Amino acid sequence: GWYRQAPGKERELVASITRDGATNSAVSVKGRF
């Protein structure tokens, strides 16, 4: 997975992927990443 952390904020999940290719992404990046 990919996570991100902005200054002063907690680290958050951006997107993840299983070994089989199933993906999940944050609402904030869905459709863009």
Full PDB file with SEQRES, HELIX, SHEET, SSBOND, CRYST1, ORIGX, SCALE, CONECT and MASTER records, all heavy atoms in Angstrom:
SEQRES   1 A   33  GLY TRP TYR ARG GLN ALA PRO GLY LYS GLU ARG GLU LEU          
SEQRES   2 A   33  VAL ALA SER ILE THR ARG ASP GLY ALA THR ASN SER ALA          
SEQRES   3 A   33  VAL SER VAL LYS GLY ARG PHE                                  
SHEET    1 AA1 3 TRP A   2  ARG A   4  0                                        
SHEET    2 AA1 3 GLU A  12  ILE A  17 -1                                        
SHEET    3 AA1 3 THR A  23  SER A  25 -1                                        
CRYST1    1.000    1.000    1.000  90.00  90.00  90.00 P 1           1          
ORIGX1      1.000000  0.000000  0.000000        0.00000                         
ORIGX2      0.000000  1.000000  0.000000        0.00000                         
ORIGX3      0.000000  0.000000  1.000000        0.00000                         
SCALE1      1.000000  0.000000  0.000000        0.00000                         
SCALE2      0.000000  1.000000  0.000000        0.00000                         
SCALE3      0.000000  0.000000  1.000000        0.00000                         
ATOM      1  N   GLY A   1       0.799  -1.207   0.000  1.00  0.00           N  
ATOM      2  CA  GLY A   1       0.000   0.000   0.000  1.00  0.00           C  
ATOM      3  C   GLY A   1       0.832   1.258   0.000  1.00  0.00           C  
ATOM      4  O   GLY A   1       2.042   1.231   0.225  1.00  0.00           O  
ATOM      5  N   TRP A   2       0.156   2.343  -0.294  1.00  0.00           N  
ATOM      6  CA  TRP A   2       0.737   3.672  -0.222  1.00  0.00           C  
ATOM      7  C   TRP A   2      -0.002   4.468   0.850  1.00  0.00           C  
ATOM      8  O   TRP A   2      -1.236   4.473   0.891  1.00  0.00           O  
ATOM      9  CB  TRP A   2       0.640   4.400  -1.560  1.00  0.00           C  
ATOM     10  CG  TRP A   2       1.583   3.881  -2.596  1.00  0.00           C  
ATOM     11  CD1 TRP A   2       1.322   2.970  -3.559  1.00  0.00           C  
ATOM     12  CD2 TRP A   2       2.944   4.267  -2.755  1.00  0.00           C  
ATOM     13  NE1 TRP A   2       2.435   2.750  -4.319  1.00  0.00           N  
ATOM     14  CE2 TRP A   2       3.456   3.528  -3.855  1.00  0.00           C  
ATOM     15  CE3 TRP A   2       3.795   5.148  -2.099  1.00  0.00           C  
ATOM     16  CZ2 TRP A   2       4.770   3.656  -4.297  1.00  0.00           C  
ATOM     17  CZ3 TRP A   2       5.100   5.279  -2.531  1.00  0.00           C  
ATOM     18  CH2 TRP A   2       5.577   4.536  -3.619  1.00  0.00           C  
ATOM     19  N   TYR A   3       0.759   5.120   1.686  1.00  0.00           N  
ATOM     20  CA  TYR A   3       0.231   5.994   2.717  1.00  0.00           C  
ATOM     21  C   TYR A   3       0.853   7.370   2.544  1.00  0.00           C  
ATOM     22  O   TYR A   3       1.888   7.524   1.894  1.00  0.00           O  
ATOM     23  CB  TYR A   3       0.556   5.451   4.111  1.00  0.00           C  
ATOM     24  CG  TYR A   3      -0.153   4.153   4.448  1.00  0.00           C  
ATOM     25  CD1 TYR A   3       0.210   2.957   3.845  1.00  0.00           C  
ATOM     26  CD2 TYR A   3      -1.189   4.133   5.390  1.00  0.00           C  
ATOM     27  CE1 TYR A   3      -0.438   1.770   4.149  1.00  0.00           C  
ATOM     28  CE2 TYR A   3      -1.835   2.950   5.708  1.00  0.00           C  
ATOM     29  CZ  TYR A   3      -1.455   1.779   5.086  1.00  0.00           C  
ATOM     30  OH  TYR A   3      -2.099   0.604   5.396  1.00  0.00           O  
ATOM     31  N   ARG A   4       0.225   8.363   3.127  1.00  0.00           N  
ATOM     32  CA  ARG A   4       0.800   9.698   3.064  1.00  0.00           C  
ATOM     33  C   ARG A   4       0.593  10.423   4.385  1.00  0.00           C  
ATOM     34  O   ARG A   4      -0.332  10.136   5.132  1.00  0.00           O  
ATOM     35  CB  ARG A   4       0.202  10.512   1.916  1.00  0.00           C  
ATOM     36  CG  ARG A   4      -1.272  10.860   2.077  1.00  0.00           C  
ATOM     37  CD  ARG A   4      -1.791  11.542   0.827  1.00  0.00           C  
ATOM     38  NE  ARG A   4      -3.185  11.929   0.945  1.00  0.00           N  
ATOM     39  CZ  ARG A   4      -3.912  12.412  -0.048  1.00  0.00           C  
ATOM     40  NH1 ARG A   4      -3.363  12.575  -1.252  1.00  0.00           N  
ATOM     41  NH2 ARG A   4      -5.183  12.744   0.147  1.00  0.00           N  
ATOM     42  N   GLN A   5       1.469  11.360   4.638  1.00  0.00           N  
ATOM     43  CA  GLN A   5       1.384  12.144   5.850  1.00  0.00           C  
ATOM     44  C   GLN A   5       1.753  13.588   5.550  1.00  0.00           C  
ATOM     45  O   GLN A   5       2.858  13.878   5.098  1.00  0.00           O  
ATOM     46  CB  GLN A   5       2.310  11.587   6.930  1.00  0.00           C  
ATOM     47  CG  GLN A   5       2.157  12.259   8.282  1.00  0.00           C  
ATOM     48  CD  GLN A   5       2.872  11.513   9.389  1.00  0.00           C  
ATOM     49  OE1 GLN A   5       3.823  10.768   9.149  1.00  0.00           O  
ATOM     50  NE2 GLN A   5       2.401  11.690  10.610  1.00  0.00           N  
ATOM     51  N   ALA A   6       0.799  14.461   5.780  1.00  0.00           N  
ATOM     52  CA  ALA A   6       1.018  15.884   5.613  1.00  0.00           C  
ATOM     53  C   ALA A   6       1.469  16.470   6.948  1.00  0.00           C  
ATOM     54  O   ALA A   6       1.194  15.905   8.005  1.00  0.00           O  
ATOM     55  CB  ALA A   6      -0.259  16.566   5.131  1.00  0.00           C  
ATOM     56  N   PRO A   7       2.152  17.616   6.929  1.00  0.00           N  
ATOM     57  CA  PRO A   7       2.605  18.240   8.169  1.00  0.00           C  
ATOM     58  C   PRO A   7       1.455  18.470   9.145  1.00  0.00           C  
ATOM     59  O   PRO A   7       0.417  19.014   8.772  1.00  0.00           O  
ATOM     60  CB  PRO A   7       3.200  19.567   7.699  1.00  0.00           C  
ATOM     61  CG  PRO A   7       3.650  19.296   6.298  1.00  0.00           C  
ATOM     62  CD  PRO A   7       2.600  18.376   5.743  1.00  0.00           C  
ATOM     63  N   GLY A   8       1.638  18.029  10.377  1.00  0.00           N  
ATOM     64  CA  GLY A   8       0.632  18.221  11.400  1.00  0.00           C  
ATOM     65  C   GLY A   8      -0.539  17.271  11.335  1.00  0.00           C  
ATOM     66  O   GLY A   8      -1.473  17.406  12.129  1.00  0.00           O  
ATOM     67  N   LYS A   9      -0.510  16.329  10.418  1.00  0.00           N  
ATOM     68  CA  LYS A   9      -1.603  15.383  10.278  1.00  0.00           C  
ATOM     69  C   LYS A   9      -1.117  13.949  10.458  1.00  0.00           C  
ATOM     70  O   LYS A   9       0.070  13.665  10.369  1.00  0.00           O  
ATOM     71  CB  LYS A   9      -2.281  15.534   8.917  1.00  0.00           C  
ATOM     72  CG  LYS A   9      -2.986  16.868   8.718  1.00  0.00           C  
ATOM     73  CD  LYS A   9      -3.775  16.879   7.426  1.00  0.00           C  
ATOM     74  CE  LYS A   9      -4.552  18.165   7.266  1.00  0.00           C  
ATOM     75  NZ  LYS A   9      -5.357  18.166   6.018  1.00  0.00           N  
ATOM     76  N   GLU A  10      -2.069  13.072  10.726  1.00  0.00           N  
ATOM     77  CA  GLU A  10      -1.748  11.669  10.885  1.00  0.00           C  
ATOM     78  C   GLU A  10      -1.522  11.011   9.533  1.00  0.00           C  
ATOM     79  O   GLU A  10      -2.039  11.464   8.507  1.00  0.00           O  
ATOM     80  CB  GLU A  10      -2.872  10.940  11.628  1.00  0.00           C  
ATOM     81  CG  GLU A  10      -3.069  11.390  13.062  1.00  0.00           C  
ATOM     82  CD  GLU A  10      -4.131  10.583  13.774  1.00  0.00           C  
ATOM     83  OE1 GLU A  10      -4.864   9.832  13.099  1.00  0.00           O  
ATOM     84  OE2 GLU A  10      -4.222  10.699  15.003  1.00  0.00           O  
ATOM     85  N   ARG A  11      -0.757   9.951   9.548  1.00  0.00           N  
ATOM     86  CA  ARG A  11      -0.549   9.191   8.335  1.00  0.00           C  
ATOM     87  C   ARG A  11      -1.852   8.505   7.939  1.00  0.00           C  
ATOM     88  O   ARG A  11      -2.552   7.932   8.777  1.00  0.00           O  
ATOM     89  CB  ARG A  11       0.557   8.162   8.547  1.00  0.00           C  
ATOM     90  CG  ARG A  11       0.972   7.436   7.288  1.00  0.00           C  
ATOM     91  CD  ARG A  11       2.199   6.564   7.529  1.00  0.00           C  
ATOM     92  NE  ARG A  11       3.345   7.348   7.965  1.00  0.00           N  
ATOM     93  CZ  ARG A  11       4.567   6.853   8.126  1.00  0.00           C  
ATOM     94  NH1 ARG A  11       4.805   5.566   7.874  1.00  0.00           N  
ATOM     95  NH2 ARG A  11       5.546   7.638   8.536  1.00  0.00           N  
ATOM     96  N   GLU A  12      -2.178   8.567   6.657  1.00  0.00           N  
ATOM     97  CA  GLU A  12      -3.424   8.000   6.186  1.00  0.00           C  
ATOM     98  C   GLU A  12      -3.195   7.089   4.988  1.00  0.00           C  
ATOM     99  O   GLU A  12      -2.248   7.265   4.222  1.00  0.00           O  
ATOM    100  CB  GLU A  12      -4.414   9.106   5.797  1.00  0.00           C  
ATOM    101  CG  GLU A  12      -3.955   9.962   4.629  1.00  0.00           C  
ATOM    102  CD  GLU A  12      -4.988  10.976   4.181  1.00  0.00           C  
ATOM    103  OE1 GLU A  12      -6.125  10.931   4.696  1.00  0.00           O  
ATOM    104  OE2 GLU A  12      -4.662  11.820   3.315  1.00  0.00           O  
ATOM    105  N   LEU A  13      -4.077   6.134   4.846  1.00  0.00           N  
ATOM    106  CA  LEU A  13      -4.024   5.217   3.716  1.00  0.00           C  
ATOM    107  C   LEU A  13      -4.436   5.949   2.451  1.00  0.00           C  
ATOM    108  O   LEU A  13      -5.459   6.634   2.417  1.00  0.00           O  
ATOM    109  CB  LEU A  13      -4.944   4.027   3.949  1.00  0.00           C  
ATOM    110  CG  LEU A  13      -5.132   3.081   2.757  1.00  0.00           C  
ATOM    111  CD1 LEU A  13      -3.844   2.322   2.470  1.00  0.00           C  
ATOM    112  CD2 LEU A  13      -6.275   2.111   3.022  1.00  0.00           C  
ATOM    113  N   VAL A  14      -3.665   5.781   1.405  1.00  0.00           N  
ATOM    114  CA  VAL A  14      -3.999   6.318   0.098  1.00  0.00           C  
ATOM    115  C   VAL A  14      -4.618   5.226  -0.763  1.00  0.00           C  
ATOM    116  O   VAL A  14      -5.706   5.384  -1.316  1.00  0.00           O  
ATOM    117  CB  VAL A  14      -2.768   6.911  -0.605  1.00  0.00           C  
ATOM    118  CG1 VAL A  14      -3.128   7.397  -2.006  1.00  0.00           C  
ATOM    119  CG2 VAL A  14      -2.183   8.052   0.219  1.00  0.00           C  
ATOM    120  N   ALA A  15      -3.917   4.121  -0.883  1.00  0.00           N  
ATOM    121  CA  ALA A  15      -4.406   3.002  -1.674  1.00  0.00           C  
ATOM    122  C   ALA A  15      -3.661   1.747  -1.264  1.00  0.00           C  
ATOM    123  O   ALA A  15      -2.521   1.804  -0.817  1.00  0.00           O  
ATOM    124  CB  ALA A  15      -4.231   3.258  -3.174  1.00  0.00           C  
ATOM    125  N   SER A  16      -4.317   0.618  -1.420  1.00  0.00           N  
ATOM    126  CA  SER A  16      -3.697  -0.658  -1.107  1.00  0.00           C  
ATOM    127  C   SER A  16      -4.036  -1.666  -2.192  1.00  0.00           C  
ATOM    128  O   SER A  16      -5.005  -1.501  -2.936  1.00  0.00           O  
ATOM    129  CB  SER A  16      -4.150  -1.179   0.263  1.00  0.00           C  
ATOM    130  OG  SER A  16      -5.543  -1.423   0.279  1.00  0.00           O  
ATOM    131  N   ILE A  17      -3.243  -2.715  -2.253  1.00  0.00           N  
ATOM    132  CA  ILE A  17      -3.458  -3.739  -3.261  1.00  0.00           C  
ATOM    133  C   ILE A  17      -3.002  -5.078  -2.712  1.00  0.00           C  
ATOM    134  O   ILE A  17      -1.951  -5.192  -2.089  1.00  0.00           O  
ATOM    135  CB  ILE A  17      -2.718  -3.384  -4.576  1.00  0.00           C  
ATOM    136  CG1 ILE A  17      -3.016  -4.413  -5.664  1.00  0.00           C  
ATOM    137  CG2 ILE A  17      -1.221  -3.237  -4.331  1.00  0.00           C  
ATOM    138  CD1 ILE A  17      -2.552  -3.972  -7.043  1.00  0.00           C  
ATOM    139  N   THR A  18      -3.815  -6.098  -2.923  1.00  0.00           N  
ATOM    140  CA  THR A  18      -3.459  -7.435  -2.480  1.00  0.00           C  
ATOM    141  C   THR A  18      -2.547  -8.100  -3.495  1.00  0.00           C  
ATOM    142  O   THR A  18      -2.345  -7.598  -4.605  1.00  0.00           O  
ATOM    143  CB  THR A  18      -4.707  -8.309  -2.274  1.00  0.00           C  
ATOM    144  OG1 THR A  18      -5.287  -8.603  -3.557  1.00  0.00           O  
ATOM    145  CG2 THR A  18      -5.732  -7.610  -1.401  1.00  0.00           C  
ATOM    146  N   ARG A  19      -2.008  -9.241  -3.126  1.00  0.00           N  
ATOM    147  CA  ARG A  19      -1.148  -9.966  -4.039  1.00  0.00           C  
ATOM    148  C   ARG A  19      -1.909 -10.385  -5.294  1.00  0.00           C  
ATOM    149  O   ARG A  19      -1.322 -10.487  -6.381  1.00  0.00           O  
ATOM    150  CB  ARG A  19      -0.567 -11.195  -3.343  1.00  0.00           C  
ATOM    151  CG  ARG A  19       0.414 -11.967  -4.198  1.00  0.00           C  
ATOM    152  CD  ARG A  19       1.098 -13.075  -3.420  1.00  0.00           C  
ATOM    153  NE  ARG A  19       2.002 -13.816  -4.284  1.00  0.00           N  
ATOM    154  CZ  ARG A  19       3.242 -13.447  -4.569  1.00  0.00           C  
ATOM    155  NH1 ARG A  19       3.733 -12.326  -4.044  1.00  0.00           N  
ATOM    156  NH2 ARG A  19       4.001 -14.180  -5.370  1.00  0.00           N  
ATOM    157  N   ASP A  20      -3.211 -10.620  -5.138  1.00  0.00           N  
ATOM    158  CA  ASP A  20      -4.035 -11.021  -6.265  1.00  0.00           C  
ATOM    159  C   ASP A  20      -4.521  -9.843  -7.104  1.00  0.00           C  
ATOM    160  O   ASP A  20      -5.177 -10.043  -8.124  1.00  0.00           O  
ATOM    161  CB  ASP A  20      -5.241 -11.824  -5.772  1.00  0.00           C  
ATOM    162  CG  ASP A  20      -4.848 -13.138  -5.147  1.00  0.00           C  
ATOM    163  OD1 ASP A  20      -3.806 -13.699  -5.550  1.00  0.00           O  
ATOM    164  OD2 ASP A  20      -5.575 -13.613  -4.249  1.00  0.00           O  
ATOM    165  N   GLY A  21      -4.239  -8.623  -6.666  1.00  0.00           N  
ATOM    166  CA  GLY A  21      -4.580  -7.461  -7.456  1.00  0.00           C  
ATOM    167  C   GLY A  21      -5.824  -6.712  -7.035  1.00  0.00           C  
ATOM    168  O   GLY A  21      -6.210  -5.742  -7.710  1.00  0.00           O  
ATOM    169  N   ALA A  22      -6.471  -7.115  -5.962  1.00  0.00           N  
ATOM    170  CA  ALA A  22      -7.630  -6.380  -5.471  1.00  0.00           C  
ATOM    171  C   ALA A  22      -7.173  -5.065  -4.855  1.00  0.00           C  
ATOM    172  O   ALA A  22      -6.226  -5.039  -4.076  1.00  0.00           O  
ATOM    173  CB  ALA A  22      -8.393  -7.209  -4.451  1.00  0.00           C  
ATOM    174  N   THR A  23      -7.857  -3.983  -5.206  1.00  0.00           N  
ATOM    175  CA  THR A  23      -7.426  -2.663  -4.761  1.00  0.00           C  
ATOM    176  C   THR A  23      -8.454  -1.978  -3.886  1.00  0.00           C  
ATOM    177  O   THR A  23      -9.650  -2.280  -3.938  1.00  0.00           O  
ATOM    178  CB  THR A  23      -7.118  -1.756  -5.959  1.00  0.00           C  
ATOM    179  OG1 THR A  23      -8.306  -1.584  -6.744  1.00  0.00           O  
ATOM    180  CG2 THR A  23      -6.036  -2.363  -6.826  1.00  0.00           C  
ATOM    181  N   ASN A  24      -7.967  -1.053  -3.105  1.00  0.00           N  
ATOM    182  CA  ASN A  24      -8.797  -0.204  -2.274  1.00  0.00           C  
ATOM    183  C   ASN A  24      -8.121   1.155  -2.208  1.00  0.00           C  
ATOM    184  O   ASN A  24      -6.896   1.235  -2.155  1.00  0.00           O  
ATOM    185  CB  ASN A  24      -8.956  -0.791  -0.873  1.00  0.00           C  
ATOM    186  CG  ASN A  24      -9.908   0.018  -0.015  1.00  0.00           C  
ATOM    187  OD1 ASN A  24     -11.003   0.361  -0.437  1.00  0.00           O  
ATOM    188  ND2 ASN A  24      -9.488   0.323   1.212  1.00  0.00           N  
ATOM    189  N   SER A  25      -8.902   2.199  -2.218  1.00  0.00           N  
ATOM    190  CA  SER A  25      -8.327   3.530  -2.176  1.00  0.00           C  
ATOM    191  C   SER A  25      -9.168   4.457  -1.332  1.00  0.00           C  
ATOM    192  O   SER A  25     -10.362   4.232  -1.132  1.00  0.00           O  
ATOM    193  CB  SER A  25      -8.171   4.105  -3.591  1.00  0.00           C  
ATOM    194  OG  SER A  25      -9.422   4.227  -4.234  1.00  0.00           O  
ATOM    195  N   ALA A  26      -8.541   5.500  -0.849  1.00  0.00           N  
ATOM    196  CA  ALA A  26      -9.243   6.503  -0.080  1.00  0.00           C  
ATOM    197  C   ALA A  26     -10.219   7.260  -0.973  1.00  0.00           C  
ATOM    198  O   ALA A  26      -9.978   7.445  -2.167  1.00  0.00           O  
ATOM    199  CB  ALA A  26      -8.253   7.475   0.553  1.00  0.00           C  
ATOM    200  N   VAL A  27     -11.315   7.692  -0.382  1.00  0.00           N  
ATOM    201  CA  VAL A  27     -12.316   8.436  -1.132  1.00  0.00           C  
ATOM    202  C   VAL A  27     -11.713   9.684  -1.767  1.00  0.00           C  
ATOM    203  O   VAL A  27     -12.061  10.053  -2.894  1.00  0.00           O  
ATOM    204  CB  VAL A  27     -13.501   8.813  -0.223  1.00  0.00           C  
ATOM    205  CG1 VAL A  27     -14.471   9.736  -0.955  1.00  0.00           C  
ATOM    206  CG2 VAL A  27     -14.213   7.564   0.255  1.00  0.00           C  
ATOM    207  N   SER A  28     -10.799  10.315  -1.066  1.00  0.00           N  
ATOM    208  CA  SER A  28     -10.211  11.555  -1.534  1.00  0.00           C  
ATOM    209  C   SER A  28      -9.385  11.402  -2.810  1.00  0.00           C  
ATOM    210  O   SER A  28      -9.145  12.391  -3.506  1.00  0.00           O  
ATOM    211  CB  SER A  28      -9.343  12.178  -0.437  1.00  0.00           C  
ATOM    212  OG  SER A  28      -8.293  11.307  -0.066  1.00  0.00           O  
ATOM    213  N   VAL A  29      -8.954  10.192  -3.120  1.00  0.00           N  
ATOM    214  CA  VAL A  29      -8.126   9.984  -4.304  1.00  0.00           C  
ATOM    215  C   VAL A  29      -8.786   9.070  -5.322  1.00  0.00           C  
ATOM    216  O   VAL A  29      -8.235   8.869  -6.415  1.00  0.00           O  
ATOM    217  CB  VAL A  29      -6.742   9.410  -3.936  1.00  0.00           C  
ATOM    218  CG1 VAL A  29      -6.064  10.279  -2.892  1.00  0.00           C  
ATOM    219  CG2 VAL A  29      -6.852   7.969  -3.451  1.00  0.00           C  
ATOM    220  N   LYS A  30      -9.944   8.548  -5.000  1.00  0.00           N  
ATOM    221  CA  LYS A  30     -10.624   7.626  -5.893  1.00  0.00           C  
ATOM    222  C   LYS A  30     -10.906   8.296  -7.231  1.00  0.00           C  
ATOM    223  O   LYS A  30     -11.440   9.397  -7.308  1.00  0.00           O  
ATOM    224  CB  LYS A  30     -11.919   7.126  -5.259  1.00  0.00           C  
ATOM    225  CG  LYS A  30     -12.492   5.884  -5.909  1.00  0.00           C  
ATOM    226  CD  LYS A  30     -13.727   5.390  -5.155  1.00  0.00           C  
ATOM    227  CE  LYS A  30     -13.365   4.930  -3.753  1.00  0.00           C  
ATOM    228  NZ  LYS A  30     -12.520   3.712  -3.763  1.00  0.00           N  
ATOM    229  N   GLY A  31     -10.541   7.593  -8.288  1.00  0.00           N  
ATOM    230  CA  GLY A  31     -10.731   8.125  -9.620  1.00  0.00           C  
ATOM    231  C   GLY A  31      -9.565   8.940 -10.122  1.00  0.00           C  
ATOM    232  O   GLY A  31      -9.476   9.214 -11.320  1.00  0.00           O  
ATOM    233  N   ARG A  32      -8.672   9.337  -9.226  1.00  0.00           N  
ATOM    234  CA  ARG A  32      -7.510  10.129  -9.615  1.00  0.00           C  
ATOM    235  C   ARG A  32      -6.210   9.344  -9.513  1.00  0.00           C  
ATOM    236  O   ARG A  32      -5.294   9.544 -10.309  1.00  0.00           O  
ATOM    237  CB  ARG A  32      -7.405  11.383  -8.741  1.00  0.00           C  
ATOM    238  CG  ARG A  32      -8.593  12.321  -8.851  1.00  0.00           C  
ATOM    239  CD  ARG A  32      -8.330  13.646  -8.152  1.00  0.00           C  
ATOM    240  NE  ARG A  32      -8.101  13.481  -6.717  1.00  0.00           N  
ATOM    241  CZ  ARG A  32      -6.972  13.824  -6.101  1.00  0.00           C  
ATOM    242  NH1 ARG A  32      -5.971  14.363  -6.785  1.00  0.00           N  
ATOM    243  NH2 ARG A  32      -6.848  13.654  -4.791  1.00  0.00           N  
ATOM    244  N   PHE A  33      -6.127   8.481  -8.526  1.00  0.00           N  
ATOM    245  CA  PHE A  33      -4.929   7.685  -8.310  1.00  0.00           C  
ATOM    246  C   PHE A  33      -5.199   6.235  -8.671  1.00  0.00           C  
ATOM    247  O   PHE A  33      -6.317   5.737  -8.506  1.00  0.00           O  
ATOM    248  CB  PHE A  33      -4.480   7.726  -6.847  1.00  0.00           C  
ATOM    249  CG  PHE A  33      -3.999   9.059  -6.364  1.00  0.00           C  
ATOM    250  CD1 PHE A  33      -4.110  10.201  -7.144  1.00  0.00           C  
ATOM    251  CD2 PHE A  33      -3.423   9.169  -5.110  1.00  0.00           C  
ATOM    252  CE1 PHE A  33      -3.668  11.430  -6.690  1.00  0.00           C  
ATOM    253  CE2 PHE A  33      -2.975  10.391  -4.643  1.00  0.00           C  
ATOM    254  CZ  PHE A  33      -3.100  11.518  -5.432  1.00  0.00           C  
TER     255      PHE A  33                                                      
MASTER        0    0    0    0    3    0    0    6  254    1    0    3          
END                                                                             
